[in-house]
Amino acid sequence: MKILIVGPSWVGDMVMAQTLFVCLKQRHPGCAIDVLAPDWSRPILERMPEVREAIGFPVGHGVLDLDTRRRIASDLRGRYDQAIVLPNSLKSALVPFLAGIPTRTGWRGEMRYVLLNDIRLLSKTRYPLMIERFMALAYEPGAVLAKPYPRPNLVVEPAGREATLARFGLALDRPVLALCPGAEFGEAKRWPAEHYAEVAEQRIRDGWQVWLFGSKSDHPVGEQIRERLIPGLREESYNLAGETSLAEAIDLLSCADAVVSNDSGLMHVAAALGRPLVAVYGSTSPGFTPPLAEQVEVVRLGLDCSPCFDRTCRFGHYNCLRDLRPEQVSMALDRLLPQTIEVR
């Protein structure tokens, strides 16, 4: 059986989609799974053993570009038995329809009654988690999902990791604390730079080094964190935000002895790499898209006004993040880690 997945448009969602791929392999041993997704997602998909091929989708998020969709559909015609469409938009269902894939599965969304012929009606009470909504599409409608659920598991090749370490001149002579202070969603997901700096300072004083990750837009906040470290400590921090490709970031994150992250795509990457992870939540909730790993501590205040799921604080104070003290995150790290991590 050959299955085409129309993948999501966000890093974290793509990582979580691996739970669906695992379920499909369990239900259809030997099936071939290809994923139609933006080119940026290739480094994630290439680290998922369940995926045979990542097929680039050069159309921007929210863009129709019907000619390109027709061309891609023509290339895919006759290659698949089933398509599973993970986004809920009408546009995301066009390629499988135009390609004439016999079975086209997805949740009911923007008037897709003609485009999909295996339409599912979502019960949010039955499937409250995003991974449940992904996994359920591998089975018959209304299926009871067997627990324990599969977890995303990205596989990093040692040779590639060593090459990336050499490329950036990084050494593993000290334990590595990875910090992910960005969040594409908005300011209401970003723990303050000064709080990150306090956690970084404590770990560096304990003999660690600190690596900062994120996109190009996160580079300034990485510099803000480093600037708060005094000379002598600052030299043990490295701002990699905007300097690495996603593939390089994944390889380097796999080296971390611990990670502190906002609710972001890199949080899900760190969890899928099995890194001890402290996840900081402000305006959002772990009740829908929690980090899926064994060694995870979720830190949040749970104020009356949160979760609001707003990009910016409607009250302007961001107390759900500002009042979450660095000591709380440091204690969560202590609970995750052995009493002593050997300085290498």
Protein backbone atom coordinates (compact mmCIF):
# COMPACT_ATOMS: atom_id res chain seq x y z
CA MET A 1 0.00 0.00 0.00
CA LYS A 2 1.30 3.44 -0.95
CA ILE A 3 0.16 6.40 1.14
CA LEU A 4 0.65 10.12 0.52
CA ILE A 5 0.52 12.40 3.56
CA VAL A 6 -0.17 16.10 3.02
CA GLY A 7 1.88 17.44 5.89
CA PRO A 8 1.35 20.39 8.23
CA SER A 9 3.05 23.76 7.89
CA TRP A 10 4.65 24.12 11.33
CA VAL A 11 7.77 22.48 12.79
CA GLY A 12 6.09 21.15 15.93
CA ASP A 13 3.12 19.78 14.03
CA MET A 14 5.41 18.00 11.58
CA VAL A 15 7.28 16.37 14.45
CA MET A 16 4.03 15.23 16.05
CA ALA A 17 2.80 13.83 12.73
CA GLN A 18 5.30 11.01 13.16
CA THR A 19 2.79 9.40 15.54
CA LEU A 20 0.48 8.94 12.53
CA PHE A 21 3.28 7.42 10.47
CA VAL A 22 3.99 4.89 13.23
CA CYS A 23 0.30 3.95 13.41
CA LEU A 24 0.13 3.48 9.65
CA LYS A 25 3.15 1.17 9.75
CA GLN A 26 1.52 -0.83 12.54
CA ARG A 27 -1.75 -1.15 10.65
CA HIS A 28 -0.23 -1.71 7.21
CA PRO A 29 3.16 -3.40 7.64
CA GLY A 30 5.30 -2.77 4.62
CA CYS A 31 3.35 0.27 3.44
CA ALA A 32 5.25 3.10 1.75
CA ILE A 33 4.70 6.56 3.26
CA ASP A 34 5.61 9.70 1.32
CA VAL A 35 5.01 13.20 2.71
CA LEU A 36 4.11 16.22 0.60
CA ALA A 37 5.34 19.18 2.62
CA PRO A 38 7.29 22.47 2.46
CA ASP A 39 10.98 22.08 1.69
CA TRP A 40 12.00 23.34 5.14
CA SER A 41 10.54 20.16 6.66
CA ARG A 42 12.87 17.81 4.77
CA PRO A 43 15.46 17.61 7.61
CA ILE A 44 12.72 16.47 9.99
CA LEU A 45 11.22 13.91 7.60
CA GLU A 46 14.65 12.53 6.68
CA ARG A 47 15.15 11.68 10.36
CA MET A 48 11.92 9.66 10.53
CA PRO A 49 12.52 5.99 9.59
CA GLU A 50 8.85 5.55 8.67
CA VAL A 51 9.02 8.05 5.79
CA ARG A 52 10.15 6.77 2.39
CA GLU A 53 10.32 10.13 0.63
CA ALA A 54 9.82 13.82 1.39
CA ILE A 55 8.21 15.49 -1.62
CA GLY A 56 8.83 19.23 -1.76
CA PHE A 57 5.80 21.50 -1.92
CA PRO A 58 6.96 24.93 -3.17
CA VAL A 59 3.71 26.80 -2.50
CA GLY A 60 3.76 29.21 0.43
CA HIS A 61 1.42 28.87 3.40
CA GLY A 62 -2.01 30.25 2.46
CA VAL A 63 -1.12 30.70 -1.24
CA LEU A 64 -3.39 29.10 -3.86
CA ASP A 65 -1.08 28.94 -6.94
CA LEU A 66 -3.38 26.52 -8.73
CA ASP A 67 -0.98 25.97 -11.64
CA THR A 68 1.74 24.62 -9.35
CA ARG A 69 -0.77 22.41 -7.54
CA ARG A 70 -1.93 20.98 -10.90
CA ARG A 71 1.67 20.28 -11.93
CA ILE A 72 2.44 18.46 -8.67
CA ALA A 73 -0.82 16.50 -8.92
CA SER A 74 0.09 15.42 -12.45
CA ASP A 75 3.46 14.13 -11.21
CA LEU A 76 1.75 12.15 -8.42
CA ARG A 77 -1.07 10.66 -10.51
CA GLY A 78 -1.29 6.88 -10.30
CA ARG A 79 1.31 6.53 -7.55
CA TYR A 80 -0.83 6.21 -4.40
CA ASP A 81 -3.70 4.18 -2.96
CA GLN A 82 -4.60 6.69 -0.25
CA ALA A 83 -3.93 10.30 0.69
CA ILE A 84 -4.25 11.57 4.26
CA VAL A 85 -4.60 15.35 4.51
CA LEU A 86 -3.52 16.73 7.88
CA PRO A 87 -4.26 20.48 7.47
CA ASN A 88 -7.92 21.45 7.59
CA SER A 89 -7.86 23.95 4.73
CA LEU A 90 -9.57 23.47 1.37
CA LYS A 91 -6.33 24.25 -0.49
CA SER A 92 -4.47 21.42 1.24
CA ALA A 93 -6.89 18.85 -0.23
CA LEU A 94 -6.55 20.03 -3.84
CA VAL A 95 -3.45 18.03 -4.87
CA PRO A 96 -4.79 14.59 -3.81
CA PHE A 97 -8.08 15.37 -5.58
CA LEU A 98 -6.41 16.58 -8.77
CA ALA A 99 -4.07 13.56 -8.67
CA GLY A 100 -7.08 11.22 -8.60
CA ILE A 101 -5.89 9.33 -5.52
CA PRO A 102 -8.65 6.76 -4.85
CA THR A 103 -9.07 7.26 -1.10
CA ARG A 104 -8.69 10.79 0.26
CA THR A 105 -8.94 11.00 4.04
CA GLY A 106 -9.13 14.02 6.34
CA TRP A 107 -11.16 15.82 8.96
CA ARG A 108 -14.09 17.89 7.79
CA GLY A 109 -12.79 21.40 7.11
CA GLU A 110 -13.34 24.32 4.75
CA MET A 111 -16.09 22.86 2.53
CA ARG A 112 -13.97 19.92 1.30
CA TYR A 113 -16.90 17.60 0.57
CA VAL A 114 -15.94 17.00 -3.06
CA LEU A 115 -12.17 17.04 -2.56
CA LEU A 116 -12.19 14.36 0.15
CA ASN A 117 -14.17 11.12 -0.08
CA ASP A 118 -13.30 9.76 3.37
CA ILE A 119 -14.37 12.72 5.50
CA ARG A 120 -14.16 12.37 9.28
CA LEU A 121 -16.21 14.40 11.76
CA LEU A 122 -13.95 15.37 14.66
CA SER A 123 -15.04 14.82 18.25
CA LYS A 124 -12.78 17.05 20.33
CA THR A 125 -13.81 15.23 23.49
CA ARG A 126 -12.83 11.85 22.04
CA TYR A 127 -9.56 13.19 20.61
CA PRO A 128 -8.45 16.21 22.69
CA LEU A 129 -4.75 15.96 21.74
CA MET A 130 -3.39 16.93 18.36
CA ILE A 131 -1.52 13.62 18.08
CA GLU A 132 -4.81 11.79 18.66
CA ARG A 133 -6.35 13.71 15.77
CA PHE A 134 -3.40 12.70 13.59
CA MET A 135 -3.34 9.07 14.73
CA ALA A 136 -7.09 8.56 14.35
CA LEU A 137 -6.78 9.08 10.58
CA ALA A 138 -4.85 5.81 10.37
CA TYR A 139 -7.93 3.84 11.52
CA GLU A 140 -11.63 3.50 10.91
CA PRO A 141 -13.87 6.40 12.04
CA GLY A 142 -14.37 6.56 15.80
CA ALA A 143 -11.61 4.09 16.59
CA VAL A 144 -10.39 3.73 20.16
CA LEU A 145 -6.66 4.48 20.11
CA ALA A 146 -4.50 1.98 21.91
CA LYS A 147 -2.22 3.26 24.66
CA PRO A 148 0.59 3.91 25.26
CA TYR A 149 0.70 6.23 22.28
CA PRO A 150 3.79 6.25 20.08
CA ARG A 151 6.15 9.15 20.59
CA PRO A 152 8.04 11.04 17.91
CA ASN A 153 11.59 9.77 17.63
CA LEU A 154 14.01 11.58 15.33
CA VAL A 155 17.09 9.56 14.39
CA VAL A 156 20.37 11.47 14.08
CA GLU A 157 23.36 9.97 12.28
CA PRO A 158 26.54 10.21 14.40
CA ALA A 159 28.70 11.14 11.40
CA GLY A 160 26.44 14.06 10.53
CA ARG A 161 26.41 15.24 14.13
CA GLU A 162 30.22 15.16 14.35
CA ALA A 163 30.50 17.08 11.09
CA THR A 164 28.11 19.75 12.38
CA LEU A 165 30.03 20.11 15.65
CA ALA A 166 33.24 20.60 13.67
CA ARG A 167 31.58 23.09 11.31
CA PHE A 168 30.64 25.37 14.20
CA GLY A 169 33.79 24.75 16.24
CA LEU A 170 31.85 23.32 19.17
CA ALA A 171 33.24 20.83 21.67
CA LEU A 172 31.52 18.53 24.16
CA ASP A 173 34.11 19.02 26.89
CA ARG A 174 31.41 20.49 29.16
CA PRO A 175 27.76 19.50 29.60
CA VAL A 176 25.50 21.39 27.19
CA LEU A 177 22.40 23.36 28.19
CA ALA A 178 20.40 24.25 25.07
CA LEU A 179 18.13 27.28 25.31
CA CYS A 180 15.33 27.91 22.79
CA PRO A 181 14.05 31.41 23.68
CA GLY A 182 12.04 32.08 20.51
CA ALA A 183 8.49 31.27 19.44
CA GLU A 184 7.09 32.12 16.02
CA PHE A 185 3.54 32.33 17.39
CA GLY A 186 4.17 35.58 19.25
CA GLU A 187 5.41 37.43 22.32
CA ALA A 188 2.90 35.72 24.63
CA LYS A 189 4.89 32.49 24.27
CA ARG A 190 8.33 33.98 25.01
CA TRP A 191 9.79 33.72 28.48
CA PRO A 192 11.83 36.90 29.17
CA ALA A 193 15.48 37.05 28.11
CA GLU A 194 16.56 38.08 31.61
CA HIS A 195 15.05 34.90 33.05
CA TYR A 196 16.85 32.76 30.50
CA ALA A 197 20.07 34.58 31.36
CA GLU A 198 19.75 33.72 35.06
CA VAL A 199 19.30 30.03 34.27
CA ALA A 200 22.27 30.19 31.89
CA GLU A 201 24.47 31.89 34.48
CA GLN A 202 23.74 29.29 37.12
CA ARG A 203 24.57 26.39 34.81
CA ILE A 204 27.75 27.99 33.51
CA ARG A 205 28.91 28.55 37.09
CA ASP A 206 28.26 24.84 37.63
CA GLY A 207 30.62 23.95 34.80
CA TRP A 208 28.24 23.83 31.84
CA GLN A 209 28.22 25.56 28.46
CA VAL A 210 25.11 27.14 26.92
CA TRP A 211 24.02 26.92 23.27
CA LEU A 212 21.20 29.20 22.05
CA PHE A 213 18.96 28.02 19.21
CA GLY A 214 16.31 29.60 17.04
CA SER A 215 15.60 31.33 13.75
CA LYS A 216 17.25 34.47 12.41
CA SER A 217 14.57 36.56 14.14
CA ASP A 218 15.60 34.97 17.46
CA HIS A 219 19.26 36.01 17.14
CA PRO A 220 18.72 39.38 18.91
CA VAL A 221 17.15 37.77 21.98
CA GLY A 222 20.05 35.32 22.04
CA GLU A 223 22.42 38.30 22.16
CA GLN A 224 20.34 39.89 24.93
CA ILE A 225 20.78 36.72 26.99
CA ARG A 226 24.54 36.62 26.36
CA GLU A 227 24.97 40.32 27.16
CA ARG A 228 23.56 39.73 30.63
CA LEU A 229 26.36 37.27 31.36
CA ILE A 230 29.52 38.77 32.84
CA PRO A 231 32.86 38.37 31.05
CA GLY A 232 34.29 34.99 31.93
CA LEU A 233 30.85 33.42 31.78
CA ARG A 234 29.76 34.89 28.46
CA GLU A 235 32.54 33.00 26.70
CA GLU A 236 30.83 29.72 27.60
CA SER A 237 27.69 30.68 25.65
CA TYR A 238 27.18 30.40 21.90
CA ASN A 239 24.39 32.11 19.97
CA LEU A 240 23.50 29.73 17.14
CA ALA A 241 20.08 31.29 16.45
CA GLY A 242 19.87 32.13 12.77
CA GLU A 243 23.31 30.64 12.13
CA THR A 244 22.27 27.02 11.63
CA SER A 245 20.02 25.30 9.14
CA LEU A 246 17.20 23.26 10.63
CA ALA A 247 19.19 20.10 9.92
CA GLU A 248 22.18 21.50 11.80
CA ALA A 249 20.01 22.63 14.69
CA ILE A 250 18.57 19.12 15.03
CA ASP A 251 22.04 17.57 15.00
CA LEU A 252 23.33 19.99 17.62
CA LEU A 253 20.24 19.71 19.83
CA SER A 254 20.84 15.97 19.94
CA CYS A 255 24.08 16.74 21.82
CA ALA A 256 22.36 18.65 24.63
CA ASP A 257 22.39 17.29 28.16
CA ALA A 258 19.30 19.40 28.90
CA VAL A 259 17.02 21.85 27.08
CA VAL A 260 14.91 24.78 28.25
CA SER A 261 12.41 25.94 25.66
CA ASN A 262 9.31 28.00 25.13
CA ASP A 263 6.30 26.24 23.61
CA SER A 264 7.74 26.14 20.10
CA GLY A 265 8.72 23.88 17.24
CA LEU A 266 12.18 23.37 18.72
CA MET A 267 10.54 22.20 21.94
CA HIS A 268 8.97 19.34 20.01
CA VAL A 269 12.26 18.63 18.23
CA ALA A 270 14.08 18.40 21.57
CA ALA A 271 11.41 16.04 22.92
CA ALA A 272 11.64 13.86 19.81
CA LEU A 273 15.40 13.66 20.34
CA GLY A 274 14.85 12.35 23.86
CA ARG A 275 16.62 15.28 25.54
CA PRO A 276 15.76 16.14 29.18
CA LEU A 277 13.44 19.07 28.61
CA VAL A 278 11.92 21.90 30.64
CA ALA A 279 9.03 23.39 28.65
CA VAL A 280 7.91 26.90 29.64
CA TYR A 281 4.26 27.71 28.93
CA GLY A 282 2.59 31.12 29.07
CA SER A 283 -0.39 31.92 26.85
CA THR A 284 -0.78 28.35 25.62
CA SER A 285 -1.50 25.04 27.28
CA PRO A 286 0.18 21.63 27.30
CA GLY A 287 -3.29 20.13 27.18
CA PHE A 288 -3.35 20.12 23.34
CA THR A 289 0.24 19.86 22.11
CA PRO A 290 2.44 18.73 25.02
CA PRO A 291 6.06 17.74 24.47
CA LEU A 292 6.04 13.99 23.94
CA ALA A 293 8.96 12.47 25.80
CA GLU A 294 9.75 10.68 29.03
CA GLN A 295 12.07 13.25 30.61
CA VAL A 296 9.92 16.39 30.53
CA GLU A 297 9.01 18.99 33.13
CA VAL A 298 6.29 21.47 32.16
CA VAL A 299 6.52 24.79 34.03
CA ARG A 300 3.61 27.20 34.01
CA LEU A 301 1.78 29.46 36.46
CA GLY A 302 -1.78 28.70 35.38
CA LEU A 303 -3.10 32.23 36.02
CA ASP A 304 -6.82 32.92 35.73
CA CYS A 305 -6.24 34.66 32.39
CA SER A 306 -4.29 31.79 30.86
CA PRO A 307 -4.30 29.94 28.62
CA CYS A 308 -5.63 32.67 26.36
CA PHE A 309 -3.90 31.49 23.16
CA ASP A 310 -3.33 35.13 22.15
CA ARG A 311 -0.19 36.19 20.31
CA THR A 312 0.15 39.27 22.51
CA CYS A 313 -1.15 39.83 26.03
CA ARG A 314 -4.55 41.50 25.91
CA PHE A 315 -3.75 43.15 29.28
CA GLY A 316 -0.22 44.15 28.34
CA HIS A 317 1.46 42.65 31.42
CA TYR A 318 2.52 39.13 30.27
CA ASN A 319 2.40 38.03 33.90
CA CYS A 320 2.01 34.39 32.94
CA LEU A 321 5.64 34.58 31.78
CA ARG A 322 7.21 37.48 33.67
CA ASP A 323 6.12 36.13 37.06
CA LEU A 324 7.43 32.66 36.27
CA ARG A 325 10.76 32.92 38.06
CA PRO A 326 14.08 31.46 36.90
CA GLU A 327 14.28 29.50 40.14
CA GLN A 328 11.25 27.47 39.10
CA VAL A 329 12.92 26.45 35.86
CA SER A 330 16.23 25.72 37.60
CA MET A 331 14.46 23.47 40.10
CA ALA A 332 12.70 21.67 37.24
CA LEU A 333 16.10 21.07 35.63
CA ASP A 334 17.42 19.70 38.90
CA ARG A 335 14.52 17.26 39.11
CA LEU A 336 15.23 16.01 35.59
CA LEU A 337 18.98 15.63 35.86
CA PRO A 338 21.21 13.38 37.92
CA GLN A 339 22.69 14.99 41.00
CA THR A 340 25.99 15.38 39.15
CA ILE A 341 26.71 15.37 35.45
CA GLU A 342 30.32 14.61 34.79
CA VAL A 343 32.27 17.46 33.20
CA ARG A 344 33.66 15.81 30.08
